[in-house]
All heavy atoms as atom14 arrays in JSON, in Angstrom:
{
  "sequence": "MQLTAHLLGGKVKKGEKGEYGKSTFEVLRSNPLLVGIPRK",
  "atom14_mask": [
    [1, 1, 1, 1, 1, 1, 1, 1, 0, 0, 0, 0, 0, 0],
    [1, 1, 1, 1, 1, 1, 1, 1, 1, 0, 0, 0, 0, 0],
    [1, 1, 1, 1, 1, 1, 1, 1, 0, 0, 0, 0, 0, 0],
    [1, 1, 1, 1, 1, 1, 1, 0, 0, 0, 0, 0, 0, 0],
    [1, 1, 1, 1, 1, 0, 0, 0, 0, 0, 0, 0, 0, 0],
    [1, 1, 1, 1, 1, 1, 1, 1, 1, 1, 0, 0, 0, 0],
    [1, 1, 1, 1, 1, 1, 1, 1, 0, 0, 0, 0, 0, 0],
    [1, 1, 1, 1, 1, 1, 1, 1, 0, 0, 0, 0, 0, 0],
    [1, 1, 1, 1, 0, 0, 0, 0, 0, 0, 0, 0, 0, 0],
    [1, 1, 1, 1, 0, 0, 0, 0, 0, 0, 0, 0, 0, 0],
    [1, 1, 1, 1, 1, 1, 1, 1, 1, 0, 0, 0, 0, 0],
    [1, 1, 1, 1, 1, 1, 1, 0, 0, 0, 0, 0, 0, 0],
    [1, 1, 1, 1, 1, 1, 1, 1, 1, 0, 0, 0, 0, 0],
    [1, 1, 1, 1, 1, 1, 1, 1, 1, 0, 0, 0, 0, 0],
    [1, 1, 1, 1, 0, 0, 0, 0, 0, 0, 0, 0, 0, 0],
    [1, 1, 1, 1, 1, 1, 1, 1, 1, 0, 0, 0, 0, 0],
    [1, 1, 1, 1, 1, 1, 1, 1, 1, 0, 0, 0, 0, 0],
    [1, 1, 1, 1, 0, 0, 0, 0, 0, 0, 0, 0, 0, 0],
    [1, 1, 1, 1, 1, 1, 1, 1, 1, 0, 0, 0, 0, 0],
    [1, 1, 1, 1, 1, 1, 1, 1, 1, 1, 1, 1, 0, 0],
    [1, 1, 1, 1, 0, 0, 0, 0, 0, 0, 0, 0, 0, 0],
    [1, 1, 1, 1, 1, 1, 1, 1, 1, 0, 0, 0, 0, 0],
    [1, 1, 1, 1, 1, 1, 0, 0, 0, 0, 0, 0, 0, 0],
    [1, 1, 1, 1, 1, 1, 1, 0, 0, 0, 0, 0, 0, 0],
    [1, 1, 1, 1, 1, 1, 1, 1, 1, 1, 1, 0, 0, 0],
    [1, 1, 1, 1, 1, 1, 1, 1, 1, 0, 0, 0, 0, 0],
    [1, 1, 1, 1, 1, 1, 1, 0, 0, 0, 0, 0, 0, 0],
    [1, 1, 1, 1, 1, 1, 1, 1, 0, 0, 0, 0, 0, 0],
    [1, 1, 1, 1, 1, 1, 1, 1, 1, 1, 1, 0, 0, 0],
    [1, 1, 1, 1, 1, 1, 0, 0, 0, 0, 0, 0, 0, 0],
    [1, 1, 1, 1, 1, 1, 1, 1, 0, 0, 0, 0, 0, 0],
    [1, 1, 1, 1, 1, 1, 1, 0, 0, 0, 0, 0, 0, 0],
    [1, 1, 1, 1, 1, 1, 1, 1, 0, 0, 0, 0, 0, 0],
    [1, 1, 1, 1, 1, 1, 1, 1, 0, 0, 0, 0, 0, 0],
    [1, 1, 1, 1, 1, 1, 1, 0, 0, 0, 0, 0, 0, 0],
    [1, 1, 1, 1, 0, 0, 0, 0, 0, 0, 0, 0, 0, 0],
    [1, 1, 1, 1, 1, 1, 1, 1, 0, 0, 0, 0, 0, 0],
    [1, 1, 1, 1, 1, 1, 1, 0, 0, 0, 0, 0, 0, 0],
    [1, 1, 1, 1, 1, 1, 1, 1, 1, 1, 1, 0, 0, 0],
    [1, 1, 1, 1, 1, 1, 1, 1, 1, 0, 0, 0, 0, 0]
  ],
  "atom14_positions": [
    [[-5.96, 0.44, -5.88], [-4.73, -0.35, -5.77], [-5.03, -1.83, -5.91], [-4.35, -2.57, -6.63], [-4.05, -0.09, -4.43], [-2.9, -1.03, -4.12], [-1.92, -0.49, -2.71], [-1.04, -2.02, -2.3], [0.0, 0.0, 0.0], [0.0, 0.0, 0.0], [0.0, 0.0, 0.0], [0.0, 0.0, 0.0], [0.0, 0.0, 0.0], [0.0, 0.0, 0.0]],
    [[-6.08, -2.29, -5.23], [-6.44, -3.71, -5.28], [-6.84, -4.11, -6.7], [-6.49, -5.2, -7.18], [-7.56, -3.99, -4.29], [-7.16, -3.77, -2.84], [-8.35, -3.67, -1.9], [-9.48, -3.91, -2.28], [-8.08, -3.29, -0.65], [0.0, 0.0, 0.0], [0.0, 0.0, 0.0], [0.0, 0.0, 0.0], [0.0, 0.0, 0.0], [0.0, 0.0, 0.0]],
    [[-7.58, -3.23, -7.39], [-8.01, -3.52, -8.75], [-6.81, -3.59, -9.7], [-6.74, -4.46, -10.57], [-9.0, -2.45, -9.23], [-9.58, -2.67, -10.63], [-10.43, -3.95, -10.66], [-10.43, -1.47, -11.06], [0.0, 0.0, 0.0], [0.0, 0.0, 0.0], [0.0, 0.0, 0.0], [0.0, 0.0, 0.0], [0.0, 0.0, 0.0], [0.0, 0.0, 0.0]],
    [[-5.85, -2.69, -9.51], [-4.63, -2.7, -10.32], [-3.9, -4.03, -10.15], [-3.5, -4.67, -11.14], [-3.71, -1.52, -9.93], [-4.42, -0.29, -10.1], [-2.45, -1.5, -10.77], [0.0, 0.0, 0.0], [0.0, 0.0, 0.0], [0.0, 0.0, 0.0], [0.0, 0.0, 0.0], [0.0, 0.0, 0.0], [0.0, 0.0, 0.0], [0.0, 0.0, 0.0]],
    [[-3.73, -4.45, -8.9], [-3.06, -5.73, -8.63], [-3.83, -6.88, -9.26], [-3.25, -7.76, -9.92], [-2.93, -5.94, -7.12], [0.0, 0.0, 0.0], [0.0, 0.0, 0.0], [0.0, 0.0, 0.0], [0.0, 0.0, 0.0], [0.0, 0.0, 0.0], [0.0, 0.0, 0.0], [0.0, 0.0, 0.0], [0.0, 0.0, 0.0], [0.0, 0.0, 0.0]],
    [[-5.14, -6.89, -9.1], [-6.01, -7.96, -9.6], [-5.94, -8.08, -11.12], [-5.82, -9.18, -11.66], [-7.44, -7.67, -9.14], [-8.46, -8.67, -9.58], [-8.52, -9.95, -9.07], [-9.46, -8.57, -10.5], [-9.53, -10.6, -9.65], [-10.1, -9.79, -10.52], [0.0, 0.0, 0.0], [0.0, 0.0, 0.0], [0.0, 0.0, 0.0], [0.0, 0.0, 0.0]],
    [[-6.02, -6.93, -11.81], [-6.07, -6.95, -13.28], [-4.71, -7.26, -13.91], [-4.65, -7.77, -15.03], [-6.58, -5.6, -13.81], [-8.06, -5.29, -13.55], [-8.4, -3.89, -14.04], [-8.96, -6.32, -14.22], [0.0, 0.0, 0.0], [0.0, 0.0, 0.0], [0.0, 0.0, 0.0], [0.0, 0.0, 0.0], [0.0, 0.0, 0.0], [0.0, 0.0, 0.0]],
    [[-3.63, -6.96, -13.2], [-2.3, -7.1, -13.8], [-1.56, -8.35, -13.31], [-0.36, -8.5, -13.54], [-1.47, -5.84, -13.54], [-2.03, -4.55, -14.17], [-1.11, -3.37, -13.91], [-2.25, -4.73, -15.67], [0.0, 0.0, 0.0], [0.0, 0.0, 0.0], [0.0, 0.0, 0.0], [0.0, 0.0, 0.0], [0.0, 0.0, 0.0], [0.0, 0.0, 0.0]],
    [[-2.27, -9.26, -12.63], [-1.68, -10.55, -12.32], [-1.24, -10.74, -10.89], [-0.65, -11.78, -10.55], [0.0, 0.0, 0.0], [0.0, 0.0, 0.0], [0.0, 0.0, 0.0], [0.0, 0.0, 0.0], [0.0, 0.0, 0.0], [0.0, 0.0, 0.0], [0.0, 0.0, 0.0], [0.0, 0.0, 0.0], [0.0, 0.0, 0.0], [0.0, 0.0, 0.0]],
    [[-1.5, -9.79, -10.02], [-1.2, -9.97, -8.6], [-2.33, -10.71, -7.92], [-3.27, -11.2, -8.57], [0.0, 0.0, 0.0], [0.0, 0.0, 0.0], [0.0, 0.0, 0.0], [0.0, 0.0, 0.0], [0.0, 0.0, 0.0], [0.0, 0.0, 0.0], [0.0, 0.0, 0.0], [0.0, 0.0, 0.0], [0.0, 0.0, 0.0], [0.0, 0.0, 0.0]],
    [[-2.26, -10.79, -6.59], [-3.32, -11.51, -5.86], [-3.84, -10.64, -4.72], [-3.07, -10.05, -3.96], [-2.76, -12.82, -5.3], [-3.83, -13.71, -4.69], [-3.28, -15.04, -4.25], [-4.38, -15.91, -3.62], [-3.86, -17.17, -3.08], [0.0, 0.0, 0.0], [0.0, 0.0, 0.0], [0.0, 0.0, 0.0], [0.0, 0.0, 0.0], [0.0, 0.0, 0.0]],
    [[-5.18, -10.57, -4.63], [-5.84, -9.81, -3.56], [-6.61, -10.8, -2.7], [-7.36, -11.64, -3.21], [-6.81, -8.75, -4.14], [-7.55, -8.03, -3.02], [-6.06, -7.76, -5.01], [0.0, 0.0, 0.0], [0.0, 0.0, 0.0], [0.0, 0.0, 0.0], [0.0, 0.0, 0.0], [0.0, 0.0, 0.0], [0.0, 0.0, 0.0], [0.0, 0.0, 0.0]],
    [[-6.41, -10.72, -1.39], [-7.08, -11.66, -0.5], [-7.93, -10.91, 0.52], [-7.75, -9.71, 0.75], [-6.07, -12.54, 0.23], [-5.21, -11.79, 1.24], [-4.37, -12.74, 2.08], [-3.59, -11.97, 3.16], [-2.82, -12.87, 4.04], [0.0, 0.0, 0.0], [0.0, 0.0, 0.0], [0.0, 0.0, 0.0], [0.0, 0.0, 0.0], [0.0, 0.0, 0.0]],
    [[-8.84, -11.64, 1.13], [-9.66, -11.08, 2.2], [-8.78, -10.95, 3.44], [-8.11, -11.9, 3.84], [-10.83, -12.01, 2.48], [-11.91, -11.4, 3.35], [-13.12, -12.33, 3.41], [-14.26, -11.66, 4.17], [-15.47, -12.5, 4.17], [0.0, 0.0, 0.0], [0.0, 0.0, 0.0], [0.0, 0.0, 0.0], [0.0, 0.0, 0.0], [0.0, 0.0, 0.0]],
    [[-8.75, -9.75, 4.04], [-7.91, -9.54, 5.2], [-8.44, -10.26, 6.42], [-9.61, -10.64, 6.48], [0.0, 0.0, 0.0], [0.0, 0.0, 0.0], [0.0, 0.0, 0.0], [0.0, 0.0, 0.0], [0.0, 0.0, 0.0], [0.0, 0.0, 0.0], [0.0, 0.0, 0.0], [0.0, 0.0, 0.0], [0.0, 0.0, 0.0], [0.0, 0.0, 0.0]],
    [[-7.59, -10.45, 7.39], [-8.0, -11.13, 8.63], [-8.83, -10.22, 9.52], [-9.75, -10.63, 10.18], [-6.76, -11.62, 9.39], [-6.03, -12.75, 8.66], [-4.78, -13.21, 9.41], [-4.63, -12.83, 10.59], [-3.97, -13.94, 8.81], [0.0, 0.0, 0.0], [0.0, 0.0, 0.0], [0.0, 0.0, 0.0], [0.0, 0.0, 0.0], [0.0, 0.0, 0.0]],
    [[-8.49, -8.93, 9.5], [-9.24, -7.99, 10.36], [-9.48, -6.64, 9.69], [-10.29, -5.85, 10.15], [-8.49, -7.78, 11.68], [-7.07, -7.26, 11.5], [-6.39, -6.98, 12.81], [-4.99, -6.43, 12.54], [-4.37, -5.81, 13.68], [0.0, 0.0, 0.0], [0.0, 0.0, 0.0], [0.0, 0.0, 0.0], [0.0, 0.0, 0.0], [0.0, 0.0, 0.0]],
    [[-8.8, -6.38, 8.58], [-8.95, -5.09, 7.91], [-8.2, -4.0, 8.66], [-7.66, -4.21, 9.75], [0.0, 0.0, 0.0], [0.0, 0.0, 0.0], [0.0, 0.0, 0.0], [0.0, 0.0, 0.0], [0.0, 0.0, 0.0], [0.0, 0.0, 0.0], [0.0, 0.0, 0.0], [0.0, 0.0, 0.0], [0.0, 0.0, 0.0], [0.0, 0.0, 0.0]],
    [[-8.14, -2.84, 8.02], [-7.5, -1.67, 8.64], [-8.46, -0.49, 8.49], [-8.86, -0.17, 7.37], [-6.19, -1.32, 7.9], [-4.94, -1.91, 8.48], [-3.7, -1.38, 7.76], [-3.66, -1.45, 6.52], [-2.78, -0.92, 8.44], [0.0, 0.0, 0.0], [0.0, 0.0, 0.0], [0.0, 0.0, 0.0], [0.0, 0.0, 0.0], [0.0, 0.0, 0.0]],
    [[-8.82, 0.14, 9.59], [-9.74, 1.27, 9.54], [-9.21, 2.37, 10.44], [-8.82, 2.12, 11.58], [-11.15, 0.85, 9.97], [-11.74, -0.22, 9.07], [-11.66, -1.56, 9.4], [-12.33, 0.14, 7.87], [-12.16, -2.54, 8.56], [-12.85, -0.83, 7.01], [-12.76, -2.16, 7.36], [-13.26, -3.11, 6.51], [0.0, 0.0, 0.0], [0.0, 0.0, 0.0]],
    [[-9.2, 3.59, 9.93], [-8.71, 4.71, 10.72], [-7.22, 4.93, 10.54], [-6.62, 4.53, 9.53], [0.0, 0.0, 0.0], [0.0, 0.0, 0.0], [0.0, 0.0, 0.0], [0.0, 0.0, 0.0], [0.0, 0.0, 0.0], [0.0, 0.0, 0.0], [0.0, 0.0, 0.0], [0.0, 0.0, 0.0], [0.0, 0.0, 0.0], [0.0, 0.0, 0.0]],
    [[-6.63, 5.56, 11.54], [-5.22, 5.95, 11.43], [-4.3, 4.73, 11.51], [-4.52, 3.82, 12.3], [-4.87, 6.97, 12.52], [-5.52, 8.32, 12.3], [-5.12, 9.33, 13.35], [-5.8, 10.68, 13.06], [-5.46, 11.69, 14.06], [0.0, 0.0, 0.0], [0.0, 0.0, 0.0], [0.0, 0.0, 0.0], [0.0, 0.0, 0.0], [0.0, 0.0, 0.0]],
    [[-3.25, 4.78, 10.68], [-2.27, 3.71, 10.64], [-0.9, 4.33, 10.35], [-0.83, 5.46, 9.85], [-2.64, 2.69, 9.56], [-1.77, 1.59, 9.58], [0.0, 0.0, 0.0], [0.0, 0.0, 0.0], [0.0, 0.0, 0.0], [0.0, 0.0, 0.0], [0.0, 0.0, 0.0], [0.0, 0.0, 0.0], [0.0, 0.0, 0.0], [0.0, 0.0, 0.0]],
    [[0.17, 3.6, 10.64], [1.52, 4.1, 10.35], [2.01, 3.53, 9.02], [2.01, 2.31, 8.81], [2.5, 3.72, 11.47], [2.04, 4.3, 12.69], [3.9, 4.23, 11.17], [0.0, 0.0, 0.0], [0.0, 0.0, 0.0], [0.0, 0.0, 0.0], [0.0, 0.0, 0.0], [0.0, 0.0, 0.0], [0.0, 0.0, 0.0], [0.0, 0.0, 0.0]],
    [[2.4, 4.44, 8.12], [2.91, 4.06, 6.8], [4.42, 4.2, 6.81], [4.96, 5.24, 7.22], [2.3, 4.96, 5.73], [2.88, 4.79, 4.36], [2.74, 3.59, 3.67], [3.56, 5.83, 3.74], [3.26, 3.43, 2.4], [4.09, 5.68, 2.46], [3.94, 4.48, 1.79], [0.0, 0.0, 0.0], [0.0, 0.0, 0.0], [0.0, 0.0, 0.0]],
    [[5.1, 3.15, 6.36], [6.56, 3.17, 6.29], [7.0, 3.06, 4.83], [6.62, 2.13, 4.12], [7.16, 2.02, 7.1], [8.68, 2.02, 7.09], [9.28, 0.88, 7.89], [8.51, 0.15, 8.58], [10.52, 0.71, 7.85], [0.0, 0.0, 0.0], [0.0, 0.0, 0.0], [0.0, 0.0, 0.0], [0.0, 0.0, 0.0], [0.0, 0.0, 0.0]],
    [[7.8, 4.04, 4.38], [8.33, 4.01, 3.01], [9.48, 3.01, 2.95], [10.45, 3.12, 3.71], [8.83, 5.41, 2.57], [9.44, 5.33, 1.18], [7.69, 6.42, 2.59], [0.0, 0.0, 0.0], [0.0, 0.0, 0.0], [0.0, 0.0, 0.0], [0.0, 0.0, 0.0], [0.0, 0.0, 0.0], [0.0, 0.0, 0.0], [0.0, 0.0, 0.0]],
    [[9.35, 2.04, 2.06], [10.41, 1.02, 1.89], [11.32, 1.37, 0.72], [12.51, 1.03, 0.73], [9.78, -0.35, 1.66], [8.88, -0.89, 2.78], [8.28, -2.23, 2.38], [9.66, -1.02, 4.09], [0.0, 0.0, 0.0], [0.0, 0.0, 0.0], [0.0, 0.0, 0.0], [0.0, 0.0, 0.0], [0.0, 0.0, 0.0], [0.0, 0.0, 0.0]],
    [[10.76, 2.02, -0.28], [11.55, 2.36, -1.47], [10.95, 3.62, -2.08], [9.77, 3.66, -2.41], [11.49, 1.2, -2.48], [12.28, 1.46, -3.75], [12.08, 0.31, -4.74], [12.76, 0.6, -5.99], [14.03, 0.29, -6.24], [14.75, -0.34, -5.32], [14.58, 0.56, -7.41], [0.0, 0.0, 0.0], [0.0, 0.0, 0.0], [0.0, 0.0, 0.0]],
    [[11.75, 4.66, -2.21], [11.25, 5.92, -2.75], [11.01, 5.81, -4.26], [11.61, 4.97, -4.93], [12.22, 7.07, -2.47], [11.62, 8.3, -2.83], [0.0, 0.0, 0.0], [0.0, 0.0, 0.0], [0.0, 0.0, 0.0], [0.0, 0.0, 0.0], [0.0, 0.0, 0.0], [0.0, 0.0, 0.0], [0.0, 0.0, 0.0], [0.0, 0.0, 0.0]],
    [[10.1, 6.61, -4.74], [9.83, 6.69, -6.18], [9.25, 8.08, -6.45], [9.08, 8.88, -5.5], [8.89, 5.56, -6.62], [7.56, 5.58, -5.89], [6.99, 6.63, -5.64], [7.05, 4.39, -5.53], [0.0, 0.0, 0.0], [0.0, 0.0, 0.0], [0.0, 0.0, 0.0], [0.0, 0.0, 0.0], [0.0, 0.0, 0.0], [0.0, 0.0, 0.0]],
    [[8.94, 8.44, -7.68], [8.45, 9.8, -7.96], [7.2, 10.19, -7.16], [6.97, 11.36, -6.9], [8.15, 9.76, -9.46], [9.1, 8.74, -10.0], [9.2, 7.69, -8.94], [0.0, 0.0, 0.0], [0.0, 0.0, 0.0], [0.0, 0.0, 0.0], [0.0, 0.0, 0.0], [0.0, 0.0, 0.0], [0.0, 0.0, 0.0], [0.0, 0.0, 0.0]],
    [[6.39, 9.2, -6.75], [5.19, 9.49, -5.96], [5.55, 9.81, -4.5], [4.87, 10.6, -3.85], [4.23, 8.29, -5.99], [2.9, 8.46, -5.25], [1.99, 9.43, -6.01], [2.21, 7.12, -5.06], [0.0, 0.0, 0.0], [0.0, 0.0, 0.0], [0.0, 0.0, 0.0], [0.0, 0.0, 0.0], [0.0, 0.0, 0.0], [0.0, 0.0, 0.0]],
    [[6.6, 9.16, -4.01], [6.93, 9.25, -2.58], [8.15, 10.13, -2.3], [8.61, 10.17, -1.15], [7.17, 7.84, -2.02], [5.97, 6.87, -2.13], [6.36, 5.49, -1.65], [4.77, 7.4, -1.35], [0.0, 0.0, 0.0], [0.0, 0.0, 0.0], [0.0, 0.0, 0.0], [0.0, 0.0, 0.0], [0.0, 0.0, 0.0], [0.0, 0.0, 0.0]],
    [[8.65, 10.83, -3.28], [9.82, 11.68, -3.06], [9.48, 12.76, -2.03], [8.42, 13.38, -2.07], [10.32, 12.29, -4.4], [9.3, 13.29, -4.97], [11.65, 12.98, -4.2], [0.0, 0.0, 0.0], [0.0, 0.0, 0.0], [0.0, 0.0, 0.0], [0.0, 0.0, 0.0], [0.0, 0.0, 0.0], [0.0, 0.0, 0.0], [0.0, 0.0, 0.0]],
    [[10.36, 12.94, -1.07], [10.15, 13.96, -0.03], [9.25, 13.52, 1.1], [8.96, 14.3, 2.01], [0.0, 0.0, 0.0], [0.0, 0.0, 0.0], [0.0, 0.0, 0.0], [0.0, 0.0, 0.0], [0.0, 0.0, 0.0], [0.0, 0.0, 0.0], [0.0, 0.0, 0.0], [0.0, 0.0, 0.0], [0.0, 0.0, 0.0], [0.0, 0.0, 0.0]],
    [[8.78, 12.27, 1.08], [7.9, 11.76, 2.14], [8.78, 11.12, 3.24], [9.66, 10.32, 2.94], [6.93, 10.69, 1.57], [6.11, 11.27, 0.4], [6.0, 10.17, 2.67], [5.28, 12.48, 0.71], [0.0, 0.0, 0.0], [0.0, 0.0, 0.0], [0.0, 0.0, 0.0], [0.0, 0.0, 0.0], [0.0, 0.0, 0.0], [0.0, 0.0, 0.0]],
    [[8.55, 11.47, 4.51], [9.34, 10.88, 5.6], [9.21, 9.36, 5.62], [8.23, 8.8, 5.11], [8.71, 11.48, 6.87], [7.92, 12.64, 6.42], [7.52, 12.4, 5.01], [0.0, 0.0, 0.0], [0.0, 0.0, 0.0], [0.0, 0.0, 0.0], [0.0, 0.0, 0.0], [0.0, 0.0, 0.0], [0.0, 0.0, 0.0], [0.0, 0.0, 0.0]],
    [[10.2, 8.7, 6.23], [10.2, 7.23, 6.26], [8.94, 6.7, 6.94], [8.37, 5.71, 6.52], [11.45, 6.7, 6.97], [11.62, 5.19, 6.81], [12.96, 4.72, 7.34], [13.01, 4.78, 8.8], [12.57, 3.82, 9.61], [12.02, 2.73, 9.12], [12.68, 3.94, 10.92], [0.0, 0.0, 0.0], [0.0, 0.0, 0.0], [0.0, 0.0, 0.0]],
    [[8.46, 7.39, 8.0], [7.24, 6.98, 8.67], [6.3, 8.16, 8.81], [6.73, 9.27, 9.14], [7.54, 6.38, 10.05], [8.2, 5.0, 10.0], [8.28, 4.36, 11.38], [8.84, 2.94, 11.28], [8.89, 2.29, 12.62], [0.0, 0.0, 0.0], [0.0, 0.0, 0.0], [0.0, 0.0, 0.0], [0.0, 0.0, 0.0], [0.0, 0.0, 0.0]]
  ]
}
């Protein structure tokens, strides 16, 4: 994902603390990849 953003004109930065292990994902906008996925 970071490489895609980097190569296509987005910006990737060094995180303040990073994310490791379990995290909560929230769907903001559905698309063919996320169809049928719960909001959280």
